[in-house]
Amino acid sequence: MRLLYVEDNQKLALNTSASLRDAGFVVDVVHTVADALHSAKSFEYDAVILDLGLPDRDGLDLLPDIKEVNPNTPVIICTARDALDDRIKGLNAGSDDYLVKPFAVAELIARINAVLRRPGGALGMTLSFGNVTFETAERSMAIDGATCAFSKRELALLELFLRRSDRVITKDAIENALYGFDDAATPNAIEVLTHRVRKKLAEKGASIEIHNLRGIGYILRERAI
């Protein structure tokens, strides 16, 4: 899950984004409306966390632009504006949730998961292919019903493939989904990660495997018998 976090308080942004990454999210942090709009147009995000008091423009001005780029991207406003009128204005402007600062990061994570579980969101569904099942809300994977241990990034890769099974995924698409601004992939990171996941799937008896289409990308298919 890739998040866009728009927050001009750099200390708050640093601490909160670190906790979100620990929870398994890929997080891009920007500090202005201009940078946020550029990012929203350049990358696909599963959700946006939006401050309102930004240095170049009010964060509310960004909401219509985000919804125009991707109407299904949920937006959670996180702001110090706690008046009832401000909350109503934010929700009426198109935000999916409204959280007042100061907030506990655990509550923010719960709210992110909640909006992602709504119809059209990225969570709340079971992805299955062959004998592999992935529970998006619980972030757990099973092979033939037995839960298997994978790292957060390995699970993120598997989720990406399961959402697009039997479809080619380019290396750039994988990098965009799994790595943020501050976590750029090394030149061979994608190859190493896919090789490791492919090996684990085979060792655990999965009926699916990742195929490398040299010069094109990767594809998840059922293993030939």
C-alpha atoms as a PDB file:
ATOM      1  CA  MET A   1       0.000   0.000   0.000  1.00  0.00           C
ATOM      2  CA  ARG A   2       1.472   3.340  -1.075  1.00  0.00           C
ATOM      3  CA  LEU A   3       0.468   6.516   0.763  1.00  0.00           C
ATOM      4  CA  LEU A   4       0.983  10.179  -0.032  1.00  0.00           C
ATOM      5  CA  TYR A   5       1.512  12.140   3.195  1.00  0.00           C
ATOM      6  CA  VAL A   6       1.156  15.918   2.837  1.00  0.00           C
ATOM      7  CA  GLU A   7       2.467  17.630   5.981  1.00  0.00           C
ATOM      8  CA  ASP A   8       4.590  20.776   6.360  1.00  0.00           C
ATOM      9  CA  ASN A   9       5.692  20.032   9.950  1.00  0.00           C
ATOM     10  CA  GLN A  10       8.847  18.124   9.123  1.00  0.00           C
ATOM     11  CA  LYS A  11       9.331  16.581  12.579  1.00  0.00           C
ATOM     12  CA  LEU A  12       5.744  15.318  12.663  1.00  0.00           C
ATOM     13  CA  ALA A  13       6.042  14.070   9.090  1.00  0.00           C
ATOM     14  CA  LEU A  14       9.293  12.245   9.863  1.00  0.00           C
ATOM     15  CA  ASN A  15       7.981  10.516  12.992  1.00  0.00           C
ATOM     16  CA  THR A  16       4.554   9.638  11.586  1.00  0.00           C
ATOM     17  CA  SER A  17       5.885   8.353   8.266  1.00  0.00           C
ATOM     18  CA  ALA A  18       8.374   6.131  10.128  1.00  0.00           C
ATOM     19  CA  SER A  19       5.515   4.565  12.105  1.00  0.00           C
ATOM     20  CA  LEU A  20       3.464   4.095   8.938  1.00  0.00           C
ATOM     21  CA  ARG A  21       6.386   2.339   7.268  1.00  0.00           C
ATOM     22  CA  ASP A  22       6.745   0.097  10.320  1.00  0.00           C
ATOM     23  CA  ALA A  23       3.078  -0.806   9.793  1.00  0.00           C
ATOM     24  CA  GLY A  24       3.885  -1.975   6.266  1.00  0.00           C
ATOM     25  CA  PHE A  25       3.013   1.080   4.167  1.00  0.00           C
ATOM     26  CA  VAL A  26       5.161   2.711   1.510  1.00  0.00           C
ATOM     27  CA  VAL A  27       5.054   6.438   2.282  1.00  0.00           C
ATOM     28  CA  ASP A  28       5.930   9.473   0.163  1.00  0.00           C
ATOM     29  CA  VAL A  29       6.179  12.688   2.185  1.00  0.00           C
ATOM     30  CA  VAL A  30       5.702  16.131   0.630  1.00  0.00           C
ATOM     31  CA  HIS A  31       5.324  19.518   2.309  1.00  0.00           C
ATOM     32  CA  THR A  32       3.398  21.703  -0.148  1.00  0.00           C
ATOM     33  CA  VAL A  33       0.256  21.577  -2.262  1.00  0.00           C
ATOM     34  CA  ALA A  34       2.347  21.975  -5.419  1.00  0.00           C
ATOM     35  CA  ASP A  35       4.532  18.961  -4.608  1.00  0.00           C
ATOM     36  CA  ALA A  36       1.498  16.937  -3.560  1.00  0.00           C
ATOM     37  CA  LEU A  37      -0.288  17.620  -6.843  1.00  0.00           C
ATOM     38  CA  HIS A  38       2.832  16.696  -8.824  1.00  0.00           C
ATOM     39  CA  SER A  39       3.143  13.421  -6.893  1.00  0.00           C
ATOM     40  CA  ALA A  40      -0.561  12.581  -7.255  1.00  0.00           C
ATOM     41  CA  LYS A  41      -0.269  12.993 -11.022  1.00  0.00           C
ATOM     42  CA  SER A  42       2.982  11.013 -11.234  1.00  0.00           C
ATOM     43  CA  PHE A  43       2.227   7.983  -9.036  1.00  0.00           C
ATOM     44  CA  GLU A  44      -0.695   5.797  -8.009  1.00  0.00           C
ATOM     45  CA  TYR A  45      -1.584   6.048  -4.318  1.00  0.00           C
ATOM     46  CA  ASP A  46      -3.899   3.895  -2.246  1.00  0.00           C
ATOM     47  CA  ALA A  47      -4.661   6.798   0.107  1.00  0.00           C
ATOM     48  CA  VAL A  48      -3.678  10.406   0.827  1.00  0.00           C
ATOM     49  CA  ILE A  49      -3.107  11.923   4.284  1.00  0.00           C
ATOM     50  CA  LEU A  50      -3.601  15.668   3.998  1.00  0.00           C
ATOM     51  CA  ASP A  51      -2.741  18.565   6.286  1.00  0.00           C
ATOM     52  CA  LEU A  52      -4.645  21.801   5.674  1.00  0.00           C
ATOM     53  CA  GLY A  53      -2.325  24.583   6.866  1.00  0.00           C
ATOM     54  CA  LEU A  54       0.289  24.283   4.120  1.00  0.00           C
ATOM     55  CA  PRO A  55       2.768  27.029   3.180  1.00  0.00           C
ATOM     56  CA  ASP A  56       1.738  27.619  -0.449  1.00  0.00           C
ATOM     57  CA  ARG A  57      -2.023  26.984  -0.400  1.00  0.00           C
ATOM     58  CA  ASP A  58      -4.743  25.618   1.817  1.00  0.00           C
ATOM     59  CA  GLY A  59      -4.864  21.825   1.746  1.00  0.00           C
ATOM     60  CA  LEU A  60      -8.575  21.958   0.955  1.00  0.00           C
ATOM     61  CA  ASP A  61      -7.655  23.405  -2.437  1.00  0.00           C
ATOM     62  CA  LEU A  62      -5.903  20.136  -3.244  1.00  0.00           C
ATOM     63  CA  LEU A  63      -8.898  17.869  -2.639  1.00  0.00           C
ATOM     64  CA  PRO A  64     -10.703  18.444  -5.968  1.00  0.00           C
ATOM     65  CA  ASP A  65      -7.423  17.941  -7.851  1.00  0.00           C
ATOM     66  CA  ILE A  66      -6.735  14.608  -6.133  1.00  0.00           C
ATOM     67  CA  LYS A  67     -10.265  13.402  -6.804  1.00  0.00           C
ATOM     68  CA  GLU A  68      -9.958  14.489 -10.426  1.00  0.00           C
ATOM     69  CA  VAL A  69      -6.750  12.458 -10.863  1.00  0.00           C
ATOM     70  CA  ASN A  70      -8.264   9.393  -9.175  1.00  0.00           C
ATOM     71  CA  PRO A  71     -11.826   9.656  -7.842  1.00  0.00           C
ATOM     72  CA  ASN A  72     -11.423   6.444  -5.828  1.00  0.00           C
ATOM     73  CA  THR A  73      -8.355   7.525  -3.835  1.00  0.00           C
ATOM     74  CA  PRO A  74      -9.452   8.059  -0.217  1.00  0.00           C
ATOM     75  CA  VAL A  75      -8.240  11.227   1.502  1.00  0.00           C
ATOM     76  CA  ILE A  76      -7.868  11.601   5.269  1.00  0.00           C
ATOM     77  CA  ILE A  77      -7.501  15.160   6.536  1.00  0.00           C
ATOM     78  CA  CYS A  78      -5.127  15.487   9.516  1.00  0.00           C
ATOM     79  CA  THR A  79      -5.182  19.019  10.869  1.00  0.00           C
ATOM     80  CA  ALA A  80      -5.159  21.164  13.988  1.00  0.00           C
ATOM     81  CA  ARG A  81      -8.429  22.783  12.890  1.00  0.00           C
ATOM     82  CA  ASP A  82     -10.847  21.238  15.363  1.00  0.00           C
ATOM     83  CA  ALA A  83     -13.942  23.437  15.003  1.00  0.00           C
ATOM     84  CA  LEU A  84     -17.138  21.706  13.920  1.00  0.00           C
ATOM     85  CA  ASP A  85     -17.444  24.037  10.910  1.00  0.00           C
ATOM     86  CA  ASP A  86     -13.950  23.040   9.753  1.00  0.00           C
ATOM     87  CA  ARG A  87     -14.774  19.336  10.026  1.00  0.00           C
ATOM     88  CA  ILE A  88     -17.985  19.795   8.064  1.00  0.00           C
ATOM     89  CA  LYS A  89     -16.177  21.865   5.427  1.00  0.00           C
ATOM     90  CA  GLY A  90     -13.481  19.209   5.042  1.00  0.00           C
ATOM     91  CA  LEU A  91     -15.932  16.334   4.713  1.00  0.00           C
ATOM     92  CA  ASN A  92     -18.169  18.270   2.327  1.00  0.00           C
ATOM     93  CA  ALA A  93     -15.121  19.108   0.216  1.00  0.00           C
ATOM     94  CA  GLY A  94     -14.636  15.401  -0.474  1.00  0.00           C
ATOM     95  CA  SER A  95     -12.421  14.001   2.268  1.00  0.00           C
ATOM     96  CA  ASP A  96     -13.177  10.469   3.437  1.00  0.00           C
ATOM     97  CA  ASP A  97     -12.212  11.069   7.072  1.00  0.00           C
ATOM     98  CA  TYR A  98     -11.120  13.916   9.351  1.00  0.00           C
ATOM     99  CA  LEU A  99      -8.589  13.509  12.165  1.00  0.00           C
ATOM    100  CA  VAL A 100      -7.648  16.330  14.536  1.00  0.00           C
ATOM    101  CA  LYS A 101      -4.087  16.890  15.761  1.00  0.00           C
ATOM    102  CA  PRO A 102      -2.563  15.828  18.026  1.00  0.00           C
ATOM    103  CA  PHE A 103      -3.432  12.241  17.187  1.00  0.00           C
ATOM    104  CA  ALA A 104      -2.129   8.798  18.063  1.00  0.00           C
ATOM    105  CA  VAL A 105      -0.466   7.129  15.093  1.00  0.00           C
ATOM    106  CA  ALA A 106      -2.284   3.908  15.986  1.00  0.00           C
ATOM    107  CA  GLU A 107      -5.580   5.719  15.414  1.00  0.00           C
ATOM    108  CA  LEU A 108      -4.361   7.111  12.093  1.00  0.00           C
ATOM    109  CA  ILE A 109      -3.383   3.607  10.953  1.00  0.00           C
ATOM    110  CA  ALA A 110      -6.794   2.289  12.024  1.00  0.00           C
ATOM    111  CA  ARG A 111      -8.516   5.059  10.052  1.00  0.00           C
ATOM    112  CA  ILE A 112      -6.371   4.388   6.972  1.00  0.00           C
ATOM    113  CA  ASN A 113      -7.286   0.699   7.126  1.00  0.00           C
ATOM    114  CA  ALA A 114     -10.939   1.613   7.618  1.00  0.00           C
ATOM    115  CA  VAL A 115     -11.152   3.784   4.481  1.00  0.00           C
ATOM    116  CA  LEU A 116      -9.224   1.159   2.499  1.00  0.00           C
ATOM    117  CA  ARG A 117     -11.777  -1.474   3.533  1.00  0.00           C
ATOM    118  CA  ARG A 118     -14.670   0.505   2.085  1.00  0.00           C
ATOM    119  CA  PRO A 119     -16.144  -0.561  -1.266  1.00  0.00           C
ATOM    120  CA  GLY A 120     -13.620   0.282  -3.959  1.00  0.00           C
ATOM    121  CA  GLY A 121     -10.800   0.460  -1.422  1.00  0.00           C
ATOM    122  CA  ALA A 122      -7.621  -1.591  -1.498  1.00  0.00           C
ATOM    123  CA  LEU A 123      -8.307  -3.624   1.652  1.00  0.00           C
ATOM    124  CA  GLY A 124     -11.069  -5.854   2.905  1.00  0.00           C
ATOM    125  CA  MET A 125     -10.817  -8.499   0.226  1.00  0.00           C
ATOM    126  CA  THR A 126      -9.330 -11.940  -0.162  1.00  0.00           C
ATOM    127  CA  LEU A 127      -7.026 -12.472  -3.138  1.00  0.00           C
ATOM    128  CA  SER A 128      -6.681 -16.041  -4.373  1.00  0.00           C
ATOM    129  CA  PHE A 129      -4.744 -17.690  -7.157  1.00  0.00           C
ATOM    130  CA  GLY A 130      -3.975 -21.394  -7.346  1.00  0.00           C
ATOM    131  CA  ASN A 131      -3.528 -22.675  -3.789  1.00  0.00           C
ATOM    132  CA  VAL A 132      -2.413 -19.268  -2.503  1.00  0.00           C
ATOM    133  CA  THR A 133      -4.718 -16.995  -0.492  1.00  0.00           C
ATOM    134  CA  PHE A 134      -3.881 -13.467   0.637  1.00  0.00           C
ATOM    135  CA  GLU A 135      -5.971 -11.618   3.241  1.00  0.00           C
ATOM    136  CA  THR A 136      -5.477  -7.943   2.454  1.00  0.00           C
ATOM    137  CA  ALA A 137      -6.815  -6.599   5.755  1.00  0.00           C
ATOM    138  CA  GLU A 138      -4.797  -8.940   7.976  1.00  0.00           C
ATOM    139  CA  ARG A 139      -1.749  -8.812   5.659  1.00  0.00           C
ATOM    140  CA  SER A 140      -1.346 -12.580   5.839  1.00  0.00           C
ATOM    141  CA  MET A 141      -0.796 -15.243   3.213  1.00  0.00           C
ATOM    142  CA  ALA A 142      -1.570 -18.954   3.230  1.00  0.00           C
ATOM    143  CA  ILE A 143      -0.658 -21.839   0.954  1.00  0.00           C
ATOM    144  CA  ASP A 144      -3.121 -24.730   1.042  1.00  0.00           C
ATOM    145  CA  GLY A 145      -4.623 -23.086   4.138  1.00  0.00           C
ATOM    146  CA  ALA A 146      -1.349 -22.958   6.084  1.00  0.00           C
ATOM    147  CA  THR A 147      -0.124 -19.467   7.007  1.00  0.00           C
ATOM    148  CA  CYS A 148       3.324 -18.688   5.630  1.00  0.00           C
ATOM    149  CA  ALA A 149       5.886 -16.175   6.848  1.00  0.00           C
ATOM    150  CA  PHE A 150       6.931 -13.490   4.386  1.00  0.00           C
ATOM    151  CA  SER A 151       8.501 -10.083   5.023  1.00  0.00           C
ATOM    152  CA  LYS A 152       6.413  -6.918   4.600  1.00  0.00           C
ATOM    153  CA  ARG A 153       7.996  -6.117   1.258  1.00  0.00           C
ATOM    154  CA  GLU A 154       7.636  -9.701   0.059  1.00  0.00           C
ATOM    155  CA  LEU A 155       3.946  -9.584   0.967  1.00  0.00           C
ATOM    156  CA  ALA A 156       3.581  -6.280  -0.851  1.00  0.00           C
ATOM    157  CA  LEU A 157       5.102  -7.834  -3.960  1.00  0.00           C
ATOM    158  CA  LEU A 158       2.858 -10.884  -3.714  1.00  0.00           C
ATOM    159  CA  GLU A 159      -0.211  -8.697  -3.280  1.00  0.00           C
ATOM    160  CA  LEU A 160       0.727  -6.719  -6.379  1.00  0.00           C
ATOM    161  CA  PHE A 161       1.059  -9.920  -8.416  1.00  0.00           C
ATOM    162  CA  LEU A 162      -2.132 -11.439  -7.033  1.00  0.00           C
ATOM    163  CA  ARG A 163      -4.102  -8.317  -7.939  1.00  0.00           C
ATOM    164  CA  ARG A 164      -2.768  -8.619 -11.488  1.00  0.00           C
ATOM    165  CA  SER A 165      -2.413 -12.382 -11.934  1.00  0.00           C
ATOM    166  CA  ASP A 166      -1.815 -13.491 -15.518  1.00  0.00           C
ATOM    167  CA  ARG A 167      -0.930  -9.904 -16.449  1.00  0.00           C
ATOM    168  CA  VAL A 168       2.549  -8.551 -17.158  1.00  0.00           C
ATOM    169  CA  ILE A 169       3.927  -6.150 -14.545  1.00  0.00           C
ATOM    170  CA  THR A 170       6.889  -4.018 -15.528  1.00  0.00           C
ATOM    171  CA  LYS A 171       9.890  -3.444 -13.298  1.00  0.00           C
ATOM    172  CA  ASP A 172       8.987   0.251 -13.090  1.00  0.00           C
ATOM    173  CA  ALA A 173       5.464  -0.609 -11.905  1.00  0.00           C
ATOM    174  CA  ILE A 174       6.884  -2.805  -9.145  1.00  0.00           C
ATOM    175  CA  GLU A 175       9.309  -0.105  -8.064  1.00  0.00           C
ATOM    176  CA  ASN A 176       6.563   2.529  -7.991  1.00  0.00           C
ATOM    177  CA  ALA A 177       4.313   0.294  -5.871  1.00  0.00           C
ATOM    178  CA  LEU A 178       6.926  -0.921  -3.386  1.00  0.00           C
ATOM    179  CA  TYR A 179       9.413   1.923  -2.983  1.00  0.00           C
ATOM    180  CA  GLY A 180       8.875   5.518  -1.921  1.00  0.00           C
ATOM    181  CA  PHE A 181      10.839   8.750  -2.453  1.00  0.00           C
ATOM    182  CA  ASP A 182      13.158   8.102   0.475  1.00  0.00           C
ATOM    183  CA  ASP A 183      13.512   4.379  -0.155  1.00  0.00           C
ATOM    184  CA  ALA A 184      14.717   4.158  -3.725  1.00  0.00           C
ATOM    185  CA  ALA A 185      15.404   0.688  -5.056  1.00  0.00           C
ATOM    186  CA  THR A 186      19.000  -0.273  -5.809  1.00  0.00           C
ATOM    187  CA  PRO A 187      19.705  -1.291  -9.429  1.00  0.00           C
ATOM    188  CA  ASN A 188      19.092  -5.009  -8.815  1.00  0.00           C
ATOM    189  CA  ALA A 189      16.643  -4.767  -5.891  1.00  0.00           C
ATOM    190  CA  ILE A 190      13.617  -5.888  -7.915  1.00  0.00           C
ATOM    191  CA  GLU A 191      15.465  -8.891  -9.331  1.00  0.00           C
ATOM    192  CA  VAL A 192      16.683  -9.943  -5.879  1.00  0.00           C
ATOM    193  CA  LEU A 193      13.236  -9.532  -4.318  1.00  0.00           C
ATOM    194  CA  THR A 194      11.374 -11.440  -7.037  1.00  0.00           C
ATOM    195  CA  HIS A 195      13.971 -14.231  -6.961  1.00  0.00           C
ATOM    196  CA  ARG A 196      13.598 -14.544  -3.186  1.00  0.00           C
ATOM    197  CA  VAL A 197       9.808 -14.660  -3.362  1.00  0.00           C
ATOM    198  CA  ARG A 198       9.872 -17.119  -6.255  1.00  0.00           C
ATOM    199  CA  LYS A 199      12.147 -19.406  -4.235  1.00  0.00           C
ATOM    200  CA  LYS A 200       9.969 -19.196  -1.119  1.00  0.00           C
ATOM    201  CA  LEU A 201       6.809 -19.986  -3.074  1.00  0.00           C
ATOM    202  CA  ALA A 202       8.443 -23.081  -4.553  1.00  0.00           C
ATOM    203  CA  GLU A 203       9.798 -24.232  -1.179  1.00  0.00           C
ATOM    204  CA  LYS A 204       6.373 -23.861   0.465  1.00  0.00           C
ATOM    205  CA  GLY A 205       4.556 -25.815  -2.234  1.00  0.00           C
ATOM    206  CA  ALA A 206       2.729 -22.991  -3.976  1.00  0.00           C
ATOM    207  CA  SER A 207       1.020 -23.871  -7.234  1.00  0.00           C
ATOM    208  CA  ILE A 208       1.909 -20.461  -8.668  1.00  0.00           C
ATOM    209  CA  GLU A 209       5.219 -18.962  -9.734  1.00  0.00           C
ATOM    210  CA  ILE A 210       6.666 -15.659 -10.906  1.00  0.00           C
ATOM    211  CA  HIS A 211       7.998 -15.704 -14.458  1.00  0.00           C
ATOM    212  CA  ASN A 212      10.665 -13.283 -15.623  1.00  0.00           C
ATOM    213  CA  LEU A 213       9.907 -12.012 -19.130  1.00  0.00           C
ATOM    214  CA  ARG A 214      13.328 -10.655 -19.993  1.00  0.00           C
ATOM    215  CA  GLY A 215      13.218  -7.058 -21.150  1.00  0.00           C
ATOM    216  CA  ILE A 216       9.472  -6.830 -20.496  1.00  0.00           C
ATOM    217  CA  GLY A 217       8.689  -7.497 -16.850  1.00  0.00           C
ATOM    218  CA  TYR A 218       7.187 -10.241 -14.704  1.00  0.00           C
ATOM    219  CA  ILE A 219       3.995 -12.289 -14.667  1.00  0.00           C
ATOM    220  CA  LEU A 220       2.365 -14.556 -12.068  1.00  0.00           C
ATOM    221  CA  ARG A 221       1.109 -17.847 -13.476  1.00  0.00           C
ATOM    222  CA  GLU A 222       0.072 -21.246 -12.244  1.00  0.00           C
ATOM    223  CA  ARG A 223       2.950 -23.665 -12.149  1.00  0.00           C
ATOM    224  CA  ALA A 224       3.046 -26.144 -15.018  1.00  0.00           C
ATOM    225  CA  ILE A 225       2.422 -29.701 -13.829  1.00  0.00           C
END
